[in-house]
Amino acid sequence: MIKNANSYSSMDQRIESIQVSKSDRQIAKEHMRDADSVADLVCRAAESLRSVGQLLNGIFANRVR
C-alpha cells in the first residue's frame, strides 16, 4: 500500500476539489484505494517471484556441482 499517509490526504483533497457530486467523489476515493491495493498485491507477488527464482537458482546451482 501507499506507505505515506500524506499521499492519501493529498489525493483526497484533490478529489474533494473536483466539482462533482459527493457520491462521485466517494467512488473516486474507493477506486484510488482499490488501485493502491492492486499495486500492493503486484509488488508482493513480484517479491515472491524473486524469492522463488533465487531458491530455484540455488537448487540448480547445487545440482550442477
N, C-alpha and C. Protein backbone atom coordinates (compact mmCIF):
# COMPACT_ATOMS: atom_id res chain seq x y z
N MET A 1 0.83 -1.18 0.00
CA MET A 1 0.00 0.00 0.00
C MET A 1 0.87 1.24 0.00
N ILE A 2 0.21 2.35 -0.26
CA ILE A 2 0.97 3.59 -0.22
C ILE A 2 1.51 3.77 1.19
N LYS A 3 2.81 3.90 1.29
CA LYS A 3 3.44 3.93 2.60
C LYS A 3 3.31 5.30 3.28
N ASN A 4 3.07 6.32 2.49
CA ASN A 4 2.98 7.67 3.03
C ASN A 4 1.51 8.06 3.16
N ALA A 5 1.04 8.16 4.39
CA ALA A 5 -0.37 8.50 4.63
C ALA A 5 -0.72 9.86 4.03
N ASN A 6 0.27 10.73 3.88
CA ASN A 6 0.00 12.04 3.29
C ASN A 6 -0.41 11.92 1.83
N SER A 7 -0.03 10.84 1.17
CA SER A 7 -0.43 10.64 -0.22
C SER A 7 -1.94 10.51 -0.32
N TYR A 8 -2.53 9.76 0.61
CA TYR A 8 -3.99 9.65 0.63
C TYR A 8 -4.62 11.01 0.88
N SER A 9 -4.09 11.73 1.85
CA SER A 9 -4.63 13.03 2.20
C SER A 9 -4.59 13.97 1.00
N SER A 10 -3.48 13.97 0.30
CA SER A 10 -3.32 14.83 -0.86
C SER A 10 -4.31 14.44 -1.95
N MET A 11 -4.44 13.15 -2.21
CA MET A 11 -5.39 12.70 -3.23
C MET A 11 -6.82 13.00 -2.81
N ASP A 12 -7.13 12.80 -1.54
CA ASP A 12 -8.47 13.11 -1.04
C ASP A 12 -8.79 14.59 -1.25
N GLN A 13 -7.80 15.45 -0.99
CA GLN A 13 -8.01 16.89 -1.18
C GLN A 13 -8.26 17.21 -2.65
N ARG A 14 -7.50 16.57 -3.53
CA ARG A 14 -7.71 16.81 -4.97
C ARG A 14 -9.10 16.36 -5.39
N ILE A 15 -9.50 15.19 -4.91
CA ILE A 15 -10.82 14.67 -5.26
C ILE A 15 -11.91 15.59 -4.73
N GLU A 16 -11.73 16.09 -3.50
CA GLU A 16 -12.73 16.99 -2.91
C GLU A 16 -12.87 18.29 -3.71
N SER A 17 -11.78 18.72 -4.35
CA SER A 17 -11.83 19.99 -5.08
C SER A 17 -12.51 19.86 -6.45
N ILE A 18 -12.73 18.65 -6.91
CA ILE A 18 -13.37 18.44 -8.21
C ILE A 18 -14.87 18.74 -8.07
N GLN A 19 -15.41 19.46 -9.02
CA GLN A 19 -16.81 19.86 -8.97
C GLN A 19 -17.72 18.74 -9.50
N VAL A 20 -17.95 17.75 -8.66
CA VAL A 20 -18.85 16.64 -8.98
C VAL A 20 -19.67 16.33 -7.73
N SER A 21 -20.58 15.40 -7.88
CA SER A 21 -21.42 15.04 -6.73
C SER A 21 -20.59 14.34 -5.65
N LYS A 22 -21.13 14.37 -4.45
CA LYS A 22 -20.46 13.72 -3.32
C LYS A 22 -20.30 12.23 -3.57
N SER A 23 -21.30 11.59 -4.18
CA SER A 23 -21.21 10.15 -4.45
C SER A 23 -20.12 9.86 -5.47
N ASP A 24 -19.96 10.74 -6.47
CA ASP A 24 -18.88 10.55 -7.45
C ASP A 24 -17.52 10.69 -6.78
N ARG A 25 -17.40 11.62 -5.84
CA ARG A 25 -16.14 11.77 -5.10
C ARG A 25 -15.85 10.51 -4.30
N GLN A 26 -16.88 9.96 -3.66
CA GLN A 26 -16.69 8.75 -2.86
C GLN A 26 -16.25 7.59 -3.75
N ILE A 27 -16.85 7.48 -4.92
CA ILE A 27 -16.47 6.42 -5.87
C ILE A 27 -15.02 6.60 -6.28
N ALA A 28 -14.61 7.84 -6.56
CA ALA A 28 -13.21 8.10 -6.95
C ALA A 28 -12.25 7.69 -5.84
N LYS A 29 -12.61 7.99 -4.59
CA LYS A 29 -11.75 7.60 -3.46
C LYS A 29 -11.67 6.09 -3.33
N GLU A 30 -12.79 5.40 -3.54
CA GLU A 30 -12.79 3.94 -3.47
C GLU A 30 -11.91 3.34 -4.57
N HIS A 31 -12.01 3.92 -5.77
CA HIS A 31 -11.16 3.43 -6.88
C HIS A 31 -9.69 3.67 -6.58
N MET A 32 -9.37 4.81 -5.99
CA MET A 32 -7.98 5.12 -5.63
C MET A 32 -7.45 4.07 -4.65
N ARG A 33 -8.25 3.73 -3.66
CA ARG A 33 -7.82 2.74 -2.67
C ARG A 33 -7.76 1.34 -3.28
N ASP A 34 -8.70 1.02 -4.18
CA ASP A 34 -8.65 -0.27 -4.86
C ASP A 34 -7.38 -0.39 -5.71
N ALA A 35 -7.05 0.69 -6.42
CA ALA A 35 -5.83 0.68 -7.24
C ALA A 35 -4.60 0.52 -6.37
N ASP A 36 -4.59 1.14 -5.22
CA ASP A 36 -3.47 1.01 -4.29
C ASP A 36 -3.34 -0.42 -3.80
N SER A 37 -4.48 -1.07 -3.53
CA SER A 37 -4.46 -2.47 -3.09
C SER A 37 -3.91 -3.38 -4.18
N VAL A 38 -4.31 -3.12 -5.42
CA VAL A 38 -3.81 -3.93 -6.54
C VAL A 38 -2.31 -3.72 -6.70
N ALA A 39 -1.85 -2.48 -6.61
CA ALA A 39 -0.41 -2.21 -6.72
C ALA A 39 0.36 -2.92 -5.62
N ASP A 40 -0.19 -2.93 -4.41
CA ASP A 40 0.46 -3.62 -3.30
C ASP A 40 0.52 -5.12 -3.57
N LEU A 41 -0.56 -5.68 -4.07
CA LEU A 41 -0.60 -7.11 -4.39
C LEU A 41 0.43 -7.46 -5.46
N VAL A 42 0.53 -6.63 -6.49
CA VAL A 42 1.51 -6.87 -7.56
C VAL A 42 2.93 -6.80 -7.01
N CYS A 43 3.21 -5.85 -6.15
CA CYS A 43 4.55 -5.73 -5.55
C CYS A 43 4.89 -6.96 -4.71
N ARG A 44 3.91 -7.42 -3.92
CA ARG A 44 4.17 -8.61 -3.09
C ARG A 44 4.36 -9.85 -3.96
N ALA A 45 3.60 -9.95 -5.05
CA ALA A 45 3.77 -11.08 -5.95
C ALA A 45 5.15 -11.05 -6.61
N ALA A 46 5.60 -9.87 -6.99
CA ALA A 46 6.93 -9.74 -7.60
C ALA A 46 8.01 -10.15 -6.61
N GLU A 47 7.86 -9.75 -5.35
CA GLU A 47 8.84 -10.14 -4.33
C GLU A 47 8.84 -11.66 -4.15
N SER A 48 7.67 -12.26 -4.16
CA SER A 48 7.58 -13.72 -4.02
C SER A 48 8.24 -14.42 -5.20
N LEU A 49 8.00 -13.90 -6.40
CA LEU A 49 8.61 -14.50 -7.59
C LEU A 49 10.13 -14.38 -7.55
N ARG A 50 10.63 -13.24 -7.07
CA ARG A 50 12.09 -13.10 -6.94
C ARG A 50 12.64 -14.12 -5.96
N SER A 51 11.93 -14.32 -4.85
CA SER A 51 12.37 -15.30 -3.85
C SER A 51 12.38 -16.71 -4.43
N VAL A 52 11.33 -17.04 -5.16
CA VAL A 52 11.26 -18.36 -5.79
C VAL A 52 12.40 -18.51 -6.80
N GLY A 53 12.66 -17.47 -7.56
CA GLY A 53 13.76 -17.51 -8.53
C GLY A 53 15.10 -17.74 -7.86
N GLN A 54 15.31 -17.09 -6.73
CA GLN A 54 16.57 -17.29 -6.00
C GLN A 54 16.67 -18.71 -5.47
N LEU A 55 15.56 -19.26 -4.97
CA LEU A 55 15.57 -20.64 -4.49
C LEU A 55 15.88 -21.62 -5.62
N LEU A 56 15.23 -21.40 -6.76
CA LEU A 56 15.48 -22.28 -7.91
C LEU A 56 16.92 -22.18 -8.39
N ASN A 57 17.45 -20.97 -8.42
CA ASN A 57 18.86 -20.81 -8.81
C ASN A 57 19.76 -21.58 -7.86
N GLY A 58 19.47 -21.51 -6.56
CA GLY A 58 20.27 -22.25 -5.58
C GLY A 58 20.17 -23.74 -5.78
N ILE A 59 18.96 -24.23 -6.05
CA ILE A 59 18.77 -25.67 -6.26
C ILE A 59 19.52 -26.13 -7.49
N PHE A 60 19.37 -25.40 -8.60
CA PHE A 60 20.04 -25.81 -9.83
C PHE A 60 21.55 -25.67 -9.73
N ALA A 61 22.02 -24.66 -9.01
CA ALA A 61 23.47 -24.49 -8.83
C ALA A 61 24.03 -25.69 -8.07
N ASN A 62 23.30 -26.17 -7.06
CA ASN A 62 23.76 -27.34 -6.30
C ASN A 62 23.72 -28.61 -7.14
N ARG A 63 22.78 -28.74 -8.04
CA ARG A 63 22.67 -29.94 -8.87
C ARG A 63 23.79 -30.01 -9.90
N VAL A 64 24.26 -28.85 -10.35
CA VAL A 64 25.32 -28.81 -11.36
C VAL A 64 26.65 -29.22 -10.76
N ARG A 65 26.85 -28.93 -9.50
CA ARG A 65 28.14 -29.22 -8.85
C ARG A 65 28.38 -30.66 -8.72
